Amino acid sequence: MVVLVGCEEGSNTGGSNSGDLSDETQATLFLESLMALDEAPEPTAAESNGSSYSFDYNVSAGYNDAYSLVFSAPPQYIGSGANVEGTITVTGMTLGQWESEDDPGLASGTEVSLTYNLTITATEIPGGSVTIVVAMSGPFDADEPEEFTVRINGELVAVEYPSSGF
């Protein structure tokens, strides 16, 4: 789990409505976006062999219940029916290699990166939508990425990435 730290409440100035998002709201939106991203349709075989995958979907009707099982409370901002539009891009490997639970067949120390860019629209989100961009890079076999950034509505958010595997 990534912990958002060092956000100054109301200090963000980029993106629409980012100044209205408290630290708690930013952290909650980030965590909920990870759960919502889990609902993305699987990439096609052609997309899995490539380096970029775009999607646009509505979060399923059962999402709120699934979220409640994991976090013991319903989602606050990104719930059933929310629209998620975005792109996942990798370098140094294919999307299929990134998603593989098996050995991706890369040499130790191979530099890779992953970026996902999501715009989520839901009535519960302050301002009606949020854009979250996460970028990470480093050797594919490292315990954690060398670089890890999160931007919420265009503003860099300070993050702490615990050692739990890249």
N, C-alpha and C. Protein backbone atom coordinates (compact mmCIF):
# COMPACT_ATOMS: atom_id res chain seq x y z
N MET A 1 0.84 -1.18 0.00
CA MET A 1 0.00 0.00 0.00
C MET A 1 0.89 1.23 0.00
N VAL A 2 0.52 2.22 -0.76
CA VAL A 2 1.24 3.48 -0.84
C VAL A 2 0.59 4.46 0.12
N VAL A 3 1.39 5.19 0.85
CA VAL A 3 0.88 6.17 1.79
C VAL A 3 1.16 7.56 1.25
N LEU A 4 0.12 8.38 1.12
CA LEU A 4 0.30 9.76 0.68
C LEU A 4 0.73 10.57 1.88
N VAL A 5 1.83 11.29 1.73
CA VAL A 5 2.33 12.11 2.83
C VAL A 5 2.68 13.49 2.33
N GLY A 6 2.65 14.45 3.20
CA GLY A 6 3.14 15.78 2.88
C GLY A 6 2.25 16.61 2.01
N CYS A 7 1.01 16.25 1.84
CA CYS A 7 0.09 17.08 1.08
C CYS A 7 -0.37 18.21 1.98
N GLU A 8 -0.28 19.41 1.49
CA GLU A 8 -0.77 20.52 2.29
C GLU A 8 -2.20 20.78 1.87
N GLU A 9 -3.09 20.69 2.83
CA GLU A 9 -4.51 20.82 2.54
C GLU A 9 -4.81 22.12 1.80
N GLY A 10 -5.46 21.98 0.65
CA GLY A 10 -5.85 23.15 -0.13
C GLY A 10 -4.70 23.83 -0.85
N SER A 11 -3.48 23.21 -0.84
CA SER A 11 -2.33 23.88 -1.43
C SER A 11 -2.18 23.60 -2.91
N ASN A 12 -2.84 22.57 -3.43
CA ASN A 12 -2.70 22.24 -4.84
C ASN A 12 -3.36 23.30 -5.71
N THR A 13 -2.69 23.62 -6.82
CA THR A 13 -3.24 24.64 -7.69
C THR A 13 -3.44 24.15 -9.12
N GLY A 14 -2.94 22.98 -9.47
CA GLY A 14 -3.09 22.49 -10.84
C GLY A 14 -4.36 21.71 -11.00
N GLY A 15 -4.81 21.57 -12.23
CA GLY A 15 -5.99 20.76 -12.49
C GLY A 15 -7.25 21.36 -11.90
N SER A 16 -8.37 20.92 -12.41
CA SER A 16 -9.62 21.48 -11.93
C SER A 16 -9.94 20.97 -10.53
N ASN A 17 -10.29 21.87 -9.68
CA ASN A 17 -10.75 21.54 -8.33
C ASN A 17 -9.71 20.89 -7.44
N SER A 18 -8.43 20.84 -7.82
CA SER A 18 -7.46 20.17 -6.97
C SER A 18 -7.26 20.91 -5.66
N GLY A 19 -7.45 22.21 -5.64
CA GLY A 19 -7.31 22.97 -4.41
C GLY A 19 -8.38 22.66 -3.40
N ASP A 20 -9.46 22.03 -3.85
CA ASP A 20 -10.57 21.68 -2.96
C ASP A 20 -10.39 20.32 -2.30
N LEU A 21 -9.34 19.60 -2.64
CA LEU A 21 -9.18 18.24 -2.15
C LEU A 21 -8.27 18.21 -0.92
N SER A 22 -8.81 17.76 0.20
CA SER A 22 -8.01 17.62 1.41
C SER A 22 -7.05 16.45 1.26
N ASP A 23 -6.10 16.34 2.18
CA ASP A 23 -5.18 15.20 2.19
C ASP A 23 -5.95 13.88 2.23
N GLU A 24 -6.93 13.82 3.10
CA GLU A 24 -7.72 12.60 3.26
C GLU A 24 -8.47 12.26 1.98
N THR A 25 -9.03 13.27 1.32
CA THR A 25 -9.74 13.05 0.06
C THR A 25 -8.78 12.55 -1.00
N GLN A 26 -7.59 13.16 -1.10
CA GLN A 26 -6.60 12.72 -2.09
C GLN A 26 -6.20 11.27 -1.85
N ALA A 27 -5.92 10.93 -0.60
CA ALA A 27 -5.52 9.56 -0.28
C ALA A 27 -6.65 8.57 -0.59
N THR A 28 -7.87 8.94 -0.25
CA THR A 28 -9.01 8.07 -0.50
C THR A 28 -9.24 7.89 -1.99
N LEU A 29 -9.18 8.98 -2.76
CA LEU A 29 -9.35 8.88 -4.20
C LEU A 29 -8.27 7.99 -4.82
N PHE A 30 -7.04 8.12 -4.36
CA PHE A 30 -5.95 7.30 -4.89
C PHE A 30 -6.23 5.82 -4.61
N LEU A 31 -6.54 5.48 -3.37
CA LEU A 31 -6.80 4.08 -3.03
C LEU A 31 -8.02 3.53 -3.76
N GLU A 32 -9.07 4.32 -3.83
CA GLU A 32 -10.27 3.86 -4.55
C GLU A 32 -9.99 3.70 -6.04
N SER A 33 -9.11 4.54 -6.60
CA SER A 33 -8.78 4.42 -8.03
C SER A 33 -8.09 3.10 -8.31
N LEU A 34 -7.27 2.61 -7.38
CA LEU A 34 -6.61 1.32 -7.56
C LEU A 34 -7.63 0.19 -7.62
N MET A 35 -8.65 0.25 -6.75
CA MET A 35 -9.71 -0.76 -6.78
C MET A 35 -10.51 -0.66 -8.08
N ALA A 36 -10.83 0.56 -8.50
CA ALA A 36 -11.61 0.75 -9.73
C ALA A 36 -10.82 0.27 -10.94
N LEU A 37 -9.50 0.46 -10.92
CA LEU A 37 -8.65 0.02 -12.03
C LEU A 37 -8.69 -1.50 -12.18
N ASP A 38 -8.92 -2.18 -11.08
CA ASP A 38 -9.04 -3.64 -11.11
C ASP A 38 -10.19 -4.10 -11.99
N GLU A 39 -11.16 -3.23 -12.23
CA GLU A 39 -12.32 -3.57 -13.04
C GLU A 39 -12.10 -3.33 -14.54
N ALA A 40 -10.93 -2.83 -14.90
CA ALA A 40 -10.65 -2.55 -16.32
C ALA A 40 -10.78 -3.83 -17.13
N PRO A 41 -11.34 -3.73 -18.32
CA PRO A 41 -11.43 -4.92 -19.18
C PRO A 41 -10.01 -5.42 -19.51
N GLU A 42 -9.90 -6.72 -19.71
CA GLU A 42 -8.60 -7.30 -20.06
C GLU A 42 -8.15 -6.78 -21.43
N PRO A 43 -6.86 -6.51 -21.58
CA PRO A 43 -6.38 -6.09 -22.90
C PRO A 43 -6.50 -7.25 -23.91
N THR A 44 -6.67 -6.89 -25.16
CA THR A 44 -6.70 -7.90 -26.21
C THR A 44 -5.31 -8.51 -26.36
N ALA A 45 -5.22 -9.59 -27.10
CA ALA A 45 -3.92 -10.23 -27.33
C ALA A 45 -2.95 -9.24 -27.99
N ALA A 46 -3.45 -8.48 -28.94
CA ALA A 46 -2.59 -7.50 -29.62
C ALA A 46 -2.10 -6.44 -28.64
N GLU A 47 -2.99 -5.97 -27.76
CA GLU A 47 -2.59 -4.97 -26.76
C GLU A 47 -1.59 -5.56 -25.77
N SER A 48 -1.77 -6.83 -25.39
CA SER A 48 -0.84 -7.48 -24.46
C SER A 48 0.55 -7.61 -25.05
N ASN A 49 0.64 -7.70 -26.37
CA ASN A 49 1.95 -7.77 -27.03
C ASN A 49 2.55 -6.40 -27.27
N GLY A 50 1.82 -5.36 -26.95
CA GLY A 50 2.30 -4.00 -27.16
C GLY A 50 2.70 -3.32 -25.85
N SER A 51 2.81 -2.01 -25.93
CA SER A 51 3.28 -1.26 -24.76
C SER A 51 2.24 -0.28 -24.22
N SER A 52 1.05 -0.24 -24.84
CA SER A 52 0.04 0.71 -24.39
C SER A 52 -1.35 0.10 -24.51
N TYR A 53 -2.19 0.46 -23.58
CA TYR A 53 -3.54 -0.08 -23.52
C TYR A 53 -4.46 1.03 -23.03
N SER A 54 -5.49 1.34 -23.82
CA SER A 54 -6.46 2.37 -23.43
C SER A 54 -7.80 1.72 -23.14
N PHE A 55 -8.55 2.32 -22.24
CA PHE A 55 -9.83 1.75 -21.84
C PHE A 55 -10.79 2.86 -21.44
N ASP A 56 -12.05 2.52 -21.45
CA ASP A 56 -13.13 3.42 -21.04
C ASP A 56 -14.28 2.51 -20.61
N TYR A 57 -14.61 2.51 -19.33
CA TYR A 57 -15.65 1.62 -18.83
C TYR A 57 -16.34 2.24 -17.62
N ASN A 58 -17.50 1.68 -17.30
CA ASN A 58 -18.22 2.06 -16.09
C ASN A 58 -18.00 0.98 -15.04
N VAL A 59 -17.76 1.40 -13.81
CA VAL A 59 -17.55 0.48 -12.71
C VAL A 59 -18.83 -0.35 -12.52
N SER A 60 -18.67 -1.65 -12.32
CA SER A 60 -19.81 -2.57 -12.28
C SER A 60 -20.74 -2.34 -11.09
N ALA A 61 -21.93 -2.89 -11.22
CA ALA A 61 -22.96 -2.74 -10.18
C ALA A 61 -22.53 -3.41 -8.87
N GLY A 62 -21.71 -4.44 -8.91
CA GLY A 62 -21.28 -5.13 -7.70
C GLY A 62 -20.04 -4.54 -7.04
N TYR A 63 -19.51 -3.47 -7.62
CA TYR A 63 -18.27 -2.88 -7.12
C TYR A 63 -18.36 -2.44 -5.66
N ASN A 64 -19.44 -1.77 -5.28
CA ASN A 64 -19.55 -1.27 -3.90
C ASN A 64 -19.48 -2.41 -2.89
N ASP A 65 -20.15 -3.52 -3.19
CA ASP A 65 -20.10 -4.67 -2.29
C ASP A 65 -18.69 -5.26 -2.21
N ALA A 66 -18.03 -5.40 -3.35
CA ALA A 66 -16.66 -5.93 -3.37
C ALA A 66 -15.72 -5.02 -2.59
N TYR A 67 -15.88 -3.72 -2.77
CA TYR A 67 -15.05 -2.74 -2.06
C TYR A 67 -15.27 -2.87 -0.55
N SER A 68 -16.53 -3.02 -0.15
CA SER A 68 -16.87 -3.13 1.27
C SER A 68 -16.24 -4.37 1.91
N LEU A 69 -16.11 -5.44 1.15
CA LEU A 69 -15.47 -6.65 1.67
C LEU A 69 -14.00 -6.42 1.97
N VAL A 70 -13.33 -5.64 1.13
CA VAL A 70 -11.90 -5.37 1.31
C VAL A 70 -11.67 -4.33 2.40
N PHE A 71 -12.45 -3.26 2.40
CA PHE A 71 -12.19 -2.14 3.30
C PHE A 71 -13.23 -1.98 4.41
N SER A 72 -14.19 -2.86 4.52
CA SER A 72 -15.24 -2.88 5.54
C SER A 72 -16.10 -1.62 5.58
N ALA A 73 -16.12 -0.90 4.50
CA ALA A 73 -17.00 0.28 4.36
C ALA A 73 -17.22 0.51 2.87
N PRO A 74 -18.31 1.13 2.50
CA PRO A 74 -18.52 1.39 1.07
C PRO A 74 -17.57 2.47 0.58
N PRO A 75 -17.31 2.53 -0.74
CA PRO A 75 -16.44 3.58 -1.27
C PRO A 75 -17.06 4.95 -1.03
N GLN A 76 -16.20 5.94 -0.85
CA GLN A 76 -16.68 7.30 -0.59
C GLN A 76 -16.88 8.09 -1.88
N TYR A 77 -16.04 7.87 -2.87
CA TYR A 77 -16.05 8.72 -4.07
C TYR A 77 -16.25 7.96 -5.37
N ILE A 78 -15.59 6.81 -5.51
CA ILE A 78 -15.61 6.07 -6.77
C ILE A 78 -16.40 4.80 -6.54
N GLY A 79 -17.68 4.83 -6.92
CA GLY A 79 -18.55 3.69 -6.67
C GLY A 79 -19.13 3.12 -7.94
N SER A 80 -20.05 2.19 -7.76
CA SER A 80 -20.74 1.56 -8.89
C SER A 80 -21.26 2.64 -9.84
N GLY A 81 -21.02 2.45 -11.13
CA GLY A 81 -21.49 3.38 -12.14
C GLY A 81 -20.50 4.47 -12.50
N ALA A 82 -19.45 4.68 -11.71
CA ALA A 82 -18.44 5.69 -12.05
C ALA A 82 -17.82 5.34 -13.40
N ASN A 83 -17.44 6.35 -14.16
CA ASN A 83 -16.78 6.13 -15.44
C ASN A 83 -15.28 6.26 -15.26
N VAL A 84 -14.54 5.29 -15.79
CA VAL A 84 -13.08 5.28 -15.71
C VAL A 84 -12.54 5.26 -17.13
N GLU A 85 -11.76 6.26 -17.47
CA GLU A 85 -11.14 6.35 -18.79
C GLU A 85 -9.66 6.51 -18.57
N GLY A 86 -8.85 5.75 -19.32
CA GLY A 86 -7.42 5.89 -19.10
C GLY A 86 -6.57 5.10 -20.04
N THR A 87 -5.27 5.15 -19.73
CA THR A 87 -4.26 4.47 -20.52
C THR A 87 -3.20 3.93 -19.57
N ILE A 88 -2.75 2.72 -19.85
CA ILE A 88 -1.61 2.13 -19.16
C ILE A 88 -0.51 1.98 -20.20
N THR A 89 0.69 2.44 -19.87
CA THR A 89 1.82 2.36 -20.79
C THR A 89 3.02 1.76 -20.06
N VAL A 90 3.71 0.82 -20.71
CA VAL A 90 4.93 0.25 -20.16
C VAL A 90 6.07 0.46 -21.14
N THR A 91 7.29 0.50 -20.62
CA THR A 91 8.49 0.49 -21.46
C THR A 91 9.44 -0.57 -20.90
N GLY A 92 10.24 -1.14 -21.77
CA GLY A 92 11.19 -2.16 -21.36
C GLY A 92 10.62 -3.57 -21.37
N MET A 93 9.32 -3.68 -21.57
CA MET A 93 8.64 -4.98 -21.65
C MET A 93 7.27 -4.75 -22.28
N THR A 94 6.57 -5.82 -22.56
CA THR A 94 5.21 -5.70 -23.08
C THR A 94 4.22 -5.70 -21.92
N LEU A 95 2.99 -5.30 -22.21
CA LEU A 95 1.94 -5.36 -21.19
C LEU A 95 1.74 -6.78 -20.70
N GLY A 96 1.80 -7.74 -21.60
CA GLY A 96 1.65 -9.14 -21.22
C GLY A 96 2.72 -9.59 -20.25
N GLN A 97 3.96 -9.15 -20.48
CA GLN A 97 5.04 -9.49 -19.55
C GLN A 97 4.80 -8.83 -18.19
N TRP A 98 4.31 -7.60 -18.20
CA TRP A 98 4.05 -6.90 -16.94
C TRP A 98 2.97 -7.62 -16.13
N GLU A 99 1.93 -8.07 -16.82
CA GLU A 99 0.80 -8.70 -16.15
C GLU A 99 1.05 -10.17 -15.80
N SER A 100 2.09 -10.75 -16.38
CA SER A 100 2.38 -12.15 -16.17
C SER A 100 2.74 -12.45 -14.72
N GLU A 101 2.13 -13.51 -14.20
CA GLU A 101 2.49 -13.95 -12.86
C GLU A 101 3.70 -14.87 -12.90
N ASP A 102 4.08 -15.27 -14.11
CA ASP A 102 5.26 -16.10 -14.29
C ASP A 102 6.46 -15.20 -14.54
N ASP A 103 7.61 -15.82 -14.67
CA ASP A 103 8.83 -15.08 -15.00
C ASP A 103 8.63 -14.42 -16.37
N PRO A 104 8.77 -13.09 -16.45
CA PRO A 104 8.54 -12.43 -17.74
C PRO A 104 9.66 -12.65 -18.75
N GLY A 105 10.73 -13.36 -18.37
CA GLY A 105 11.80 -13.65 -19.31
C GLY A 105 12.73 -12.49 -19.58
N LEU A 106 12.86 -11.58 -18.63
CA LEU A 106 13.76 -10.44 -18.78
C LEU A 106 15.04 -10.67 -18.01
N ALA A 107 16.13 -10.11 -18.51
CA ALA A 107 17.41 -10.21 -17.81
C ALA A 107 17.35 -9.42 -16.51
N SER A 108 18.00 -9.91 -15.51
CA SER A 108 18.05 -9.22 -14.21
C SER A 108 18.55 -7.79 -14.42
N GLY A 109 17.86 -6.86 -13.79
CA GLY A 109 18.25 -5.45 -13.87
C GLY A 109 17.68 -4.71 -15.06
N THR A 110 16.90 -5.38 -15.91
CA THR A 110 16.29 -4.71 -17.05
C THR A 110 15.44 -3.54 -16.56
N GLU A 111 15.68 -2.36 -17.10
CA GLU A 111 14.93 -1.17 -16.71
C GLU A 111 13.54 -1.19 -17.34
N VAL A 112 12.53 -1.01 -16.52
CA VAL A 112 11.16 -0.97 -16.99
C VAL A 112 10.44 0.21 -16.35
N SER A 113 9.35 0.60 -16.96
CA SER A 113 8.53 1.64 -16.36
C SER A 113 7.06 1.33 -16.63
N LEU A 114 6.21 1.85 -15.76
CA LEU A 114 4.77 1.71 -15.89
C LEU A 114 4.16 3.06 -15.57
N THR A 115 3.25 3.51 -16.42
CA THR A 115 2.52 4.74 -16.16
C THR A 115 1.05 4.45 -16.40
N TYR A 116 0.24 4.85 -15.45
CA TYR A 116 -1.19 4.82 -15.75
C TYR A 116 -1.78 6.18 -15.49
N ASN A 117 -2.68 6.53 -16.40
CA ASN A 117 -3.32 7.84 -16.41
C ASN A 117 -4.82 7.58 -16.43
N LEU A 118 -5.50 7.95 -15.34
CA LEU A 118 -6.93 7.70 -15.21
C LEU A 118 -7.69 9.00 -15.04
N THR A 119 -8.80 9.13 -15.72
CA THR A 119 -9.76 10.19 -15.41
C THR A 119 -11.03 9.48 -14.98
N ILE A 120 -11.44 9.76 -13.77
CA ILE A 120 -12.60 9.10 -13.20
C ILE A 120 -13.68 10.15 -12.97
N THR A 121 -14.87 9.86 -13.46
CA THR A 121 -16.00 10.77 -13.32
C THR A 121 -17.07 10.09 -12.48
N ALA A 122 -17.49 10.78 -11.42
CA ALA A 122 -18.55 10.28 -10.55
C ALA A 122 -19.13 11.46 -9.78
N THR A 123 -20.41 11.40 -9.51
CA THR A 123 -21.06 12.52 -8.83
C THR A 123 -20.52 12.74 -7.42
N GLU A 124 -19.99 11.70 -6.79
CA GLU A 124 -19.49 11.82 -5.42
C GLU A 124 -18.11 12.48 -5.34
N ILE A 125 -17.40 12.57 -6.45
CA ILE A 125 -16.07 13.17 -6.46
C ILE A 125 -16.22 14.69 -6.43
N PRO A 126 -15.51 15.37 -5.52
CA PRO A 126 -15.57 16.84 -5.52
C PRO A 126 -15.21 17.38 -6.91
N GLY A 127 -16.07 18.21 -7.49
CA GLY A 127 -15.85 18.73 -8.83
C GLY A 127 -16.32 17.80 -9.93
N GLY A 128 -16.75 16.59 -9.58
CA GLY A 128 -17.31 15.67 -10.57
C GLY A 128 -16.33 14.72 -11.23
N SER A 129 -15.01 15.03 -11.19
CA SER A 129 -14.04 14.12 -11.78
C SER A 129 -12.66 14.36 -11.17
N VAL A 130 -11.80 13.39 -11.35
CA VAL A 130 -10.42 13.49 -10.88
C VAL A 130 -9.53 12.79 -11.90
N THR A 131 -8.33 13.33 -12.09
CA THR A 131 -7.33 12.70 -12.94
C THR A 131 -6.16 12.29 -12.06
N ILE A 132 -5.80 11.03 -12.14
CA ILE A 132 -4.72 10.47 -11.34
C ILE A 132 -3.71 9.85 -12.28
N VAL A 133 -2.45 10.28 -12.16
CA VAL A 133 -1.37 9.74 -12.97
C VAL A 133 -0.33 9.15 -12.02
N VAL A 134 -0.04 7.87 -12.21
CA VAL A 134 0.97 7.19 -11.41
C VAL A 134 2.07 6.73 -12.36
N ALA A 135 3.31 7.02 -12.01
CA ALA A 135 4.45 6.59 -12.81
C ALA A 135 5.48 5.94 -11.90
N MET A 136 6.00 4.81 -12.33
CA MET A 136 7.06 4.15 -11.58
C MET A 136 8.05 3.53 -12.54
N SER A 137 9.31 3.47 -12.11
CA SER A 137 10.33 2.89 -12.96
C SER A 137 11.48 2.35 -12.11
N GLY A 138 12.22 1.44 -12.72
CA GLY A 138 13.38 0.83 -12.08
C GLY A 138 13.62 -0.55 -12.66
N PRO A 139 14.59 -1.27 -12.12
CA PRO A 139 14.84 -2.64 -12.58
C PRO A 139 13.63 -3.52 -12.31
N PHE A 140 13.25 -4.36 -13.28
CA PHE A 140 12.02 -5.14 -13.14
C PHE A 140 12.07 -6.07 -11.94
N ASP A 141 13.25 -6.49 -11.52
CA ASP A 141 13.35 -7.46 -10.43
C ASP A 141 13.66 -6.80 -9.08
N ALA A 142 13.51 -5.48 -9.00
CA ALA A 142 13.77 -4.77 -7.74
C ALA A 142 12.60 -4.96 -6.77
N ASP A 143 12.88 -4.81 -5.49
CA ASP A 143 11.82 -4.90 -4.48
C ASP A 143 10.88 -3.72 -4.53
N GLU A 144 11.37 -2.59 -4.99
CA GLU A 144 10.54 -1.39 -5.11
C GLU A 144 11.07 -0.55 -6.26
N PRO A 145 10.24 0.31 -6.82
CA PRO A 145 10.69 1.14 -7.94
C PRO A 145 11.72 2.17 -7.47
N GLU A 146 12.62 2.55 -8.37
CA GLU A 146 13.57 3.62 -8.06
C GLU A 146 12.87 4.97 -8.06
N GLU A 147 11.92 5.11 -8.95
CA GLU A 147 11.13 6.34 -9.02
C GLU A 147 9.66 5.98 -8.93
N PHE A 148 8.92 6.77 -8.14
CA PHE A 148 7.49 6.54 -7.98
C PHE A 148 6.84 7.89 -7.76
N THR A 149 5.94 8.28 -8.67
CA THR A 149 5.25 9.56 -8.51
C THR A 149 3.75 9.39 -8.69
N VAL A 150 3.02 10.23 -7.98
CA VAL A 150 1.57 10.28 -8.10
C VAL A 150 1.19 11.74 -8.32
N ARG A 151 0.37 11.98 -9.32
CA ARG A 151 -0.18 13.32 -9.56
C ARG A 151 -1.70 13.20 -9.49
N ILE A 152 -2.30 14.10 -8.74
CA ILE A 152 -3.74 14.16 -8.65
C ILE A 152 -4.17 15.52 -9.16
N ASN A 153 -4.96 15.51 -10.24
CA ASN A 153 -5.37 16.74 -10.92
C ASN A 153 -4.17 17.62 -11.26
N GLY A 154 -3.10 16.98 -11.74
CA GLY A 154 -1.94 17.70 -12.23
C GLY A 154 -0.90 18.08 -11.19
N GLU A 155 -1.22 17.93 -9.94
CA GLU A 155 -0.30 18.31 -8.87
C GLU A 155 0.43 17.09 -8.32
N LEU A 156 1.74 17.21 -8.19
CA LEU A 156 2.55 16.15 -7.61
C LEU A 156 2.18 15.99 -6.15
N VAL A 157 1.91 14.77 -5.74
CA VAL A 157 1.56 14.46 -4.36
C VAL A 157 2.73 13.69 -3.78
N ALA A 158 3.20 14.08 -2.62
CA ALA A 158 4.30 13.37 -1.97
C ALA A 158 3.81 11.99 -1.56
N VAL A 159 4.63 10.98 -1.85
CA VAL A 159 4.24 9.62 -1.52
C VAL A 159 5.38 8.91 -0.82
N GLU A 160 5.02 7.92 -0.06
CA GLU A 160 5.97 7.04 0.58
C GLU A 160 5.67 5.65 0.06
N TYR A 161 6.65 4.99 -0.55
CA TYR A 161 6.44 3.68 -1.14
C TYR A 161 7.11 2.64 -0.25
N PRO A 162 6.36 1.91 0.56
CA PRO A 162 6.97 0.91 1.44
C PRO A 162 7.54 -0.26 0.65
N SER A 163 8.52 -0.91 1.20
CA SER A 163 9.14 -2.06 0.54
C SER A 163 8.21 -3.25 0.59
N SER A 164 7.49 -3.46 -0.49
CA SER A 164 6.57 -4.58 -0.52
C SER A 164 6.59 -5.27 -1.88
N GLY A 165 7.54 -4.93 -2.70
CA GLY A 165 7.65 -5.56 -4.01
C GLY A 165 7.17 -4.64 -5.11
N PHE A 166 7.93 -4.54 -6.16
CA PHE A 166 7.68 -3.66 -7.30
C PHE A 166 6.79 -4.39 -8.20
